[in-house]
Amino acid sequence: MFFKKSILTDADISFGIINGGTTRRNFENKLYEKYYYLIKDGTFKHKITVEDAASTYSDTIIAVIDALVAGRFQEKAQLKTYVFQIFNNKCVDLIRKNSTNKERVNNGVSIDEFTLQMPDESKLIIQKLTEEFEFDKLKMELIKLGEKCKQMLMAWADGYTDKEITSMLDYNSPQVTKTSRLRCMEKLKE
């Protein structure tokens, strides 16, 4: 199915996203581009930064795509109305989050700003302690992942390629190694 840019309707975009396939990404991009103007509207209406509005808009588009694919969008309203409502709600949530005491505590002085005011010797001590803490924390997280993930990530951090890790750790192919490594990295991020 081929759509010209000027003829593409919300129904066409919804259909393209729901049906997936090789053109799904194209329809997702069309949805993103079609309501991009909401970023500017959000900065004006909600008095939030452009960065916050752009981030909120991206979250909105992801939520709309998820709703379309999961069948939660019932087409009781136009897609434009649905996108606008989700974006508006997310902006309000952001404003509420930023106005709570919890957020004010989180917006404190960063360690870097704090150390700039210290003498050089103190800065070095703080940096060394921070590095040691982060290294110890990383070691603990690697242990939680299991021995195989730990070995793989340590080898990768030492500069070994997926092909070299394949032979070192007896994987079937570099592609399997890469997939396993990416899964381990994802677990580590969590």
C-alpha atoms as a PDB file:
ATOM      1  CA  MET A   1       0.000   0.000   0.000  1.00  0.00           C
ATOM      2  CA  PHE A   2       1.512   3.338  -1.073  1.00  0.00           C
ATOM      3  CA  PHE A   3       0.422   6.631   0.464  1.00  0.00           C
ATOM      4  CA  LYS A   4       1.406  10.108  -0.657  1.00  0.00           C
ATOM      5  CA  LYS A   5       2.457  12.431   2.141  1.00  0.00           C
ATOM      6  CA  SER A   6      -0.383  14.895   1.524  1.00  0.00           C
ATOM      7  CA  ILE A   7      -3.105  12.211   1.402  1.00  0.00           C
ATOM      8  CA  LEU A   8      -2.085  10.277   4.517  1.00  0.00           C
ATOM      9  CA  THR A   9      -4.974  10.275   7.017  1.00  0.00           C
ATOM     10  CA  ASP A  10      -5.085   9.248  10.663  1.00  0.00           C
ATOM     11  CA  ALA A  11      -6.880   6.077   9.610  1.00  0.00           C
ATOM     12  CA  ASP A  12      -4.058   5.292   7.157  1.00  0.00           C
ATOM     13  CA  ILE A  13      -1.447   5.841   9.869  1.00  0.00           C
ATOM     14  CA  SER A  14      -3.371   3.715  12.389  1.00  0.00           C
ATOM     15  CA  PHE A  15      -3.813   0.944   9.833  1.00  0.00           C
ATOM     16  CA  GLY A  16      -0.109   1.007   8.946  1.00  0.00           C
ATOM     17  CA  ILE A  17       0.983   0.814  12.588  1.00  0.00           C
ATOM     18  CA  ILE A  18      -1.509  -1.878  13.582  1.00  0.00           C
ATOM     19  CA  ASN A  19      -0.716  -4.113  10.616  1.00  0.00           C
ATOM     20  CA  GLY A  20       3.022  -3.829  11.209  1.00  0.00           C
ATOM     21  CA  GLY A  21       5.242  -5.301   8.595  1.00  0.00           C
ATOM     22  CA  THR A  22       8.183  -3.643   6.948  1.00  0.00           C
ATOM     23  CA  THR A  23       6.481  -0.256   6.635  1.00  0.00           C
ATOM     24  CA  ARG A  24       5.403   0.045  10.275  1.00  0.00           C
ATOM     25  CA  ARG A  25       8.411   2.206  11.190  1.00  0.00           C
ATOM     26  CA  ASN A  26       7.495   4.574   8.348  1.00  0.00           C
ATOM     27  CA  PHE A  27       3.945   4.948   9.693  1.00  0.00           C
ATOM     28  CA  GLU A  28       5.278   5.504  13.221  1.00  0.00           C
ATOM     29  CA  ASN A  29       7.471   8.302  11.858  1.00  0.00           C
ATOM     30  CA  LYS A  30       4.489   9.803  10.010  1.00  0.00           C
ATOM     31  CA  LEU A  31       2.512   9.827  13.256  1.00  0.00           C
ATOM     32  CA  TYR A  32       5.418  11.510  15.034  1.00  0.00           C
ATOM     33  CA  GLU A  33       5.773  14.152  12.325  1.00  0.00           C
ATOM     34  CA  LYS A  34       2.051  14.841  11.974  1.00  0.00           C
ATOM     35  CA  TYR A  35       1.567  16.173  15.519  1.00  0.00           C
ATOM     36  CA  TYR A  36       5.072  17.503  16.125  1.00  0.00           C
ATOM     37  CA  TYR A  37       3.618  20.995  16.540  1.00  0.00           C
ATOM     38  CA  LEU A  38       2.347  19.913  19.984  1.00  0.00           C
ATOM     39  CA  ILE A  39       5.871  20.470  21.345  1.00  0.00           C
ATOM     40  CA  LYS A  40       5.614  24.194  20.659  1.00  0.00           C
ATOM     41  CA  ASP A  41       2.042  24.269  21.974  1.00  0.00           C
ATOM     42  CA  GLY A  42       3.163  22.485  25.147  1.00  0.00           C
ATOM     43  CA  THR A  43       5.908  25.004  25.851  1.00  0.00           C
ATOM     44  CA  PHE A  44       3.441  27.853  25.431  1.00  0.00           C
ATOM     45  CA  LYS A  45       0.406  26.375  27.182  1.00  0.00           C
ATOM     46  CA  HIS A  46       2.125  24.532  30.047  1.00  0.00           C
ATOM     47  CA  LYS A  47       5.182  26.774  30.411  1.00  0.00           C
ATOM     48  CA  ILE A  48       7.613  23.870  30.230  1.00  0.00           C
ATOM     49  CA  THR A  49      10.999  23.795  28.518  1.00  0.00           C
ATOM     50  CA  VAL A  50      11.337  22.705  24.907  1.00  0.00           C
ATOM     51  CA  GLU A  51      13.378  19.698  26.088  1.00  0.00           C
ATOM     52  CA  ASP A  52      10.648  18.638  28.524  1.00  0.00           C
ATOM     53  CA  ALA A  53       7.960  19.147  25.877  1.00  0.00           C
ATOM     54  CA  ALA A  54       9.934  17.123  23.312  1.00  0.00           C
ATOM     55  CA  SER A  55      10.522  14.314  25.790  1.00  0.00           C
ATOM     56  CA  THR A  56       6.861  14.322  26.807  1.00  0.00           C
ATOM     57  CA  TYR A  57       5.830  14.293  23.149  1.00  0.00           C
ATOM     58  CA  SER A  58       8.075  11.288  22.432  1.00  0.00           C
ATOM     59  CA  ASP A  59       6.551   9.455  25.411  1.00  0.00           C
ATOM     60  CA  THR A  60       3.113  10.347  24.060  1.00  0.00           C
ATOM     61  CA  ILE A  61       3.795   8.905  20.620  1.00  0.00           C
ATOM     62  CA  ILE A  62       5.161   5.705  22.162  1.00  0.00           C
ATOM     63  CA  ALA A  63       2.023   5.416  24.324  1.00  0.00           C
ATOM     64  CA  VAL A  64      -0.227   5.980  21.298  1.00  0.00           C
ATOM     65  CA  ILE A  65       1.628   3.361  19.244  1.00  0.00           C
ATOM     66  CA  ASP A  66       1.373   0.884  22.127  1.00  0.00           C
ATOM     67  CA  ALA A  67      -2.357   1.596  22.440  1.00  0.00           C
ATOM     68  CA  LEU A  68      -2.886   1.106  18.707  1.00  0.00           C
ATOM     69  CA  VAL A  69      -0.994  -2.184  18.603  1.00  0.00           C
ATOM     70  CA  ALA A  70      -2.668  -3.487  21.781  1.00  0.00           C
ATOM     71  CA  GLY A  71      -6.125  -2.543  20.493  1.00  0.00           C
ATOM     72  CA  ARG A  72      -6.808  -0.065  23.322  1.00  0.00           C
ATOM     73  CA  PHE A  73      -7.600   2.787  20.913  1.00  0.00           C
ATOM     74  CA  GLN A  74     -11.279   2.219  20.186  1.00  0.00           C
ATOM     75  CA  GLU A  75     -11.663   5.043  17.661  1.00  0.00           C
ATOM     76  CA  LYS A  76     -14.394   6.656  19.770  1.00  0.00           C
ATOM     77  CA  ALA A  77     -12.479   9.878  19.157  1.00  0.00           C
ATOM     78  CA  GLN A  78     -10.190  10.997  16.369  1.00  0.00           C
ATOM     79  CA  LEU A  79      -6.555   9.963  16.610  1.00  0.00           C
ATOM     80  CA  LYS A  80      -5.611  13.651  16.806  1.00  0.00           C
ATOM     81  CA  THR A  81      -7.809  14.079  19.900  1.00  0.00           C
ATOM     82  CA  TYR A  82      -6.331  10.936  21.442  1.00  0.00           C
ATOM     83  CA  VAL A  83      -2.751  12.134  20.866  1.00  0.00           C
ATOM     84  CA  PHE A  84      -3.563  15.601  22.216  1.00  0.00           C
ATOM     85  CA  GLN A  85      -5.227  14.228  25.357  1.00  0.00           C
ATOM     86  CA  ILE A  86      -2.336  11.909  26.190  1.00  0.00           C
ATOM     87  CA  PHE A  87       0.189  14.698  25.555  1.00  0.00           C
ATOM     88  CA  ASN A  88      -1.780  17.132  27.705  1.00  0.00           C
ATOM     89  CA  ASN A  89      -2.065  14.597  30.556  1.00  0.00           C
ATOM     90  CA  LYS A  90       1.661  13.841  30.410  1.00  0.00           C
ATOM     91  CA  CYS A  91       2.474  17.569  30.526  1.00  0.00           C
ATOM     92  CA  VAL A  92       0.274  18.002  33.590  1.00  0.00           C
ATOM     93  CA  ASP A  93       1.954  14.984  35.219  1.00  0.00           C
ATOM     94  CA  LEU A  94       5.364  16.536  34.537  1.00  0.00           C
ATOM     95  CA  ILE A  95       4.292  19.849  36.066  1.00  0.00           C
ATOM     96  CA  ARG A  96       2.966  18.063  39.159  1.00  0.00           C
ATOM     97  CA  LYS A  97       6.161  16.056  39.466  1.00  0.00           C
ATOM     98  CA  ASN A  98       8.295  19.187  39.209  1.00  0.00           C
ATOM     99  CA  SER A  99       6.241  21.026  41.815  1.00  0.00           C
ATOM    100  CA  THR A 100       6.435  18.402  44.564  1.00  0.00           C
ATOM    101  CA  ASN A 101       8.903  18.543  47.415  1.00  0.00           C
ATOM    102  CA  LYS A 102      10.380  15.273  46.250  1.00  0.00           C
ATOM    103  CA  GLU A 103      11.459  16.858  42.971  1.00  0.00           C
ATOM    104  CA  ARG A 104      12.924  19.880  44.760  1.00  0.00           C
ATOM    105  CA  VAL A 105      15.094  17.548  46.821  1.00  0.00           C
ATOM    106  CA  ASN A 106      16.247  15.816  43.632  1.00  0.00           C
ATOM    107  CA  ASN A 107      17.157  19.161  42.082  1.00  0.00           C
ATOM    108  CA  GLY A 108      19.855  19.763  44.687  1.00  0.00           C
ATOM    109  CA  VAL A 109      23.468  20.597  43.991  1.00  0.00           C
ATOM    110  CA  SER A 110      25.302  17.939  42.020  1.00  0.00           C
ATOM    111  CA  ILE A 111      28.499  16.409  43.371  1.00  0.00           C
ATOM    112  CA  ASP A 112      30.435  18.071  40.539  1.00  0.00           C
ATOM    113  CA  GLU A 113      29.153  21.525  41.471  1.00  0.00           C
ATOM    114  CA  PHE A 114      29.965  20.814  45.111  1.00  0.00           C
ATOM    115  CA  THR A 115      33.514  19.640  44.408  1.00  0.00           C
ATOM    116  CA  LEU A 116      34.275  22.728  42.296  1.00  0.00           C
ATOM    117  CA  GLN A 117      34.238  24.731  45.517  1.00  0.00           C
ATOM    118  CA  MET A 118      36.732  22.428  47.256  1.00  0.00           C
ATOM    119  CA  PRO A 119      40.510  22.609  47.336  1.00  0.00           C
ATOM    120  CA  ASP A 120      42.295  20.389  44.778  1.00  0.00           C
ATOM    121  CA  GLU A 121      43.343  17.753  47.342  1.00  0.00           C
ATOM    122  CA  SER A 122      39.752  17.313  48.518  1.00  0.00           C
ATOM    123  CA  LYS A 123      38.515  17.065  44.935  1.00  0.00           C
ATOM    124  CA  LEU A 124      40.909  14.211  44.231  1.00  0.00           C
ATOM    125  CA  ILE A 125      39.853  12.349  47.366  1.00  0.00           C
ATOM    126  CA  ILE A 126      36.152  12.731  46.548  1.00  0.00           C
ATOM    127  CA  GLN A 127      36.709  11.603  42.937  1.00  0.00           C
ATOM    128  CA  LYS A 128      38.701   8.557  44.069  1.00  0.00           C
ATOM    129  CA  LEU A 129      36.034   7.565  46.620  1.00  0.00           C
ATOM    130  CA  THR A 130      33.304   7.990  44.021  1.00  0.00           C
ATOM    131  CA  GLU A 131      35.171   5.829  41.503  1.00  0.00           C
ATOM    132  CA  GLU A 132      35.800   3.117  44.118  1.00  0.00           C
ATOM    133  CA  PHE A 133      32.138   3.132  45.155  1.00  0.00           C
ATOM    134  CA  GLU A 134      30.962   2.882  41.547  1.00  0.00           C
ATOM    135  CA  PHE A 135      33.450   0.079  40.801  1.00  0.00           C
ATOM    136  CA  ASP A 136      32.350  -1.895  43.885  1.00  0.00           C
ATOM    137  CA  LYS A 137      28.706  -1.407  42.941  1.00  0.00           C
ATOM    138  CA  LEU A 138      29.407  -2.601  39.397  1.00  0.00           C
ATOM    139  CA  LYS A 139      31.187  -5.722  40.707  1.00  0.00           C
ATOM    140  CA  MET A 140      28.193  -6.562  42.916  1.00  0.00           C
ATOM    141  CA  GLU A 141      25.770  -6.140  40.019  1.00  0.00           C
ATOM    142  CA  LEU A 142      27.924  -8.365  37.778  1.00  0.00           C
ATOM    143  CA  ILE A 143      27.875 -11.095  40.433  1.00  0.00           C
ATOM    144  CA  LYS A 144      24.070 -10.920  40.513  1.00  0.00           C
ATOM    145  CA  LEU A 145      23.929 -11.483  36.733  1.00  0.00           C
ATOM    146  CA  GLY A 146      25.647 -14.853  36.963  1.00  0.00           C
ATOM    147  CA  GLU A 147      29.042 -16.182  35.991  1.00  0.00           C
ATOM    148  CA  LYS A 148      28.443 -16.475  32.233  1.00  0.00           C
ATOM    149  CA  CYS A 149      27.221 -12.868  31.897  1.00  0.00           C
ATOM    150  CA  LYS A 150      29.999 -11.659  34.153  1.00  0.00           C
ATOM    151  CA  GLN A 151      32.688 -13.387  32.065  1.00  0.00           C
ATOM    152  CA  MET A 152      31.203 -12.129  28.818  1.00  0.00           C
ATOM    153  CA  LEU A 153      30.873  -8.506  29.927  1.00  0.00           C
ATOM    154  CA  MET A 154      34.327  -8.475  31.488  1.00  0.00           C
ATOM    155  CA  ALA A 155      35.851  -9.847  28.265  1.00  0.00           C
ATOM    156  CA  TRP A 156      33.945  -7.292  26.213  1.00  0.00           C
ATOM    157  CA  ALA A 157      35.074  -4.491  28.541  1.00  0.00           C
ATOM    158  CA  ASP A 158      38.664  -5.696  28.055  1.00  0.00           C
ATOM    159  CA  GLY A 159      38.279  -5.136  24.316  1.00  0.00           C
ATOM    160  CA  TYR A 160      37.599  -8.648  23.049  1.00  0.00           C
ATOM    161  CA  THR A 161      35.334  -8.894  19.998  1.00  0.00           C
ATOM    162  CA  ASP A 162      32.182 -11.005  19.859  1.00  0.00           C
ATOM    163  CA  LYS A 163      34.053 -13.450  17.626  1.00  0.00           C
ATOM    164  CA  GLU A 164      36.845 -13.832  20.198  1.00  0.00           C
ATOM    165  CA  ILE A 165      34.351 -14.170  23.053  1.00  0.00           C
ATOM    166  CA  THR A 166      32.539 -16.870  21.049  1.00  0.00           C
ATOM    167  CA  SER A 167      35.590 -19.097  21.065  1.00  0.00           C
ATOM    168  CA  MET A 168      36.600 -18.207  24.643  1.00  0.00           C
ATOM    169  CA  LEU A 169      33.185 -19.009  26.141  1.00  0.00           C
ATOM    170  CA  ASP A 170      32.069 -21.756  23.724  1.00  0.00           C
ATOM    171  CA  TYR A 171      29.141 -19.984  22.094  1.00  0.00           C
ATOM    172  CA  ASN A 172      27.738 -21.216  18.758  1.00  0.00           C
ATOM    173  CA  SER A 173      28.376 -18.058  16.733  1.00  0.00           C
ATOM    174  CA  PRO A 174      29.326 -14.393  17.113  1.00  0.00           C
ATOM    175  CA  GLN A 175      25.660 -13.481  16.537  1.00  0.00           C
ATOM    176  CA  VAL A 176      24.592 -15.627  19.515  1.00  0.00           C
ATOM    177  CA  THR A 177      27.377 -14.057  21.561  1.00  0.00           C
ATOM    178  CA  LYS A 178      26.250 -10.560  20.609  1.00  0.00           C
ATOM    179  CA  THR A 179      22.617 -11.314  21.452  1.00  0.00           C
ATOM    180  CA  SER A 180      23.625 -12.816  24.791  1.00  0.00           C
ATOM    181  CA  ARG A 181      25.908  -9.873  25.535  1.00  0.00           C
ATOM    182  CA  LEU A 182      23.149  -7.381  24.774  1.00  0.00           C
ATOM    183  CA  ARG A 183      20.762  -9.272  27.058  1.00  0.00           C
ATOM    184  CA  CYS A 184      23.360  -9.216  29.828  1.00  0.00           C
ATOM    185  CA  MET A 185      23.859  -5.475  29.298  1.00  0.00           C
ATOM    186  CA  GLU A 186      20.102  -4.934  29.477  1.00  0.00           C
ATOM    187  CA  LYS A 187      19.909  -6.878  32.756  1.00  0.00           C
ATOM    188  CA  LEU A 188      22.809  -4.843  34.106  1.00  0.00           C
ATOM    189  CA  LYS A 189      21.080  -1.573  33.195  1.00  0.00           C
ATOM    190  CA  GLU A 190      17.945  -2.686  35.045  1.00  0.00           C
END
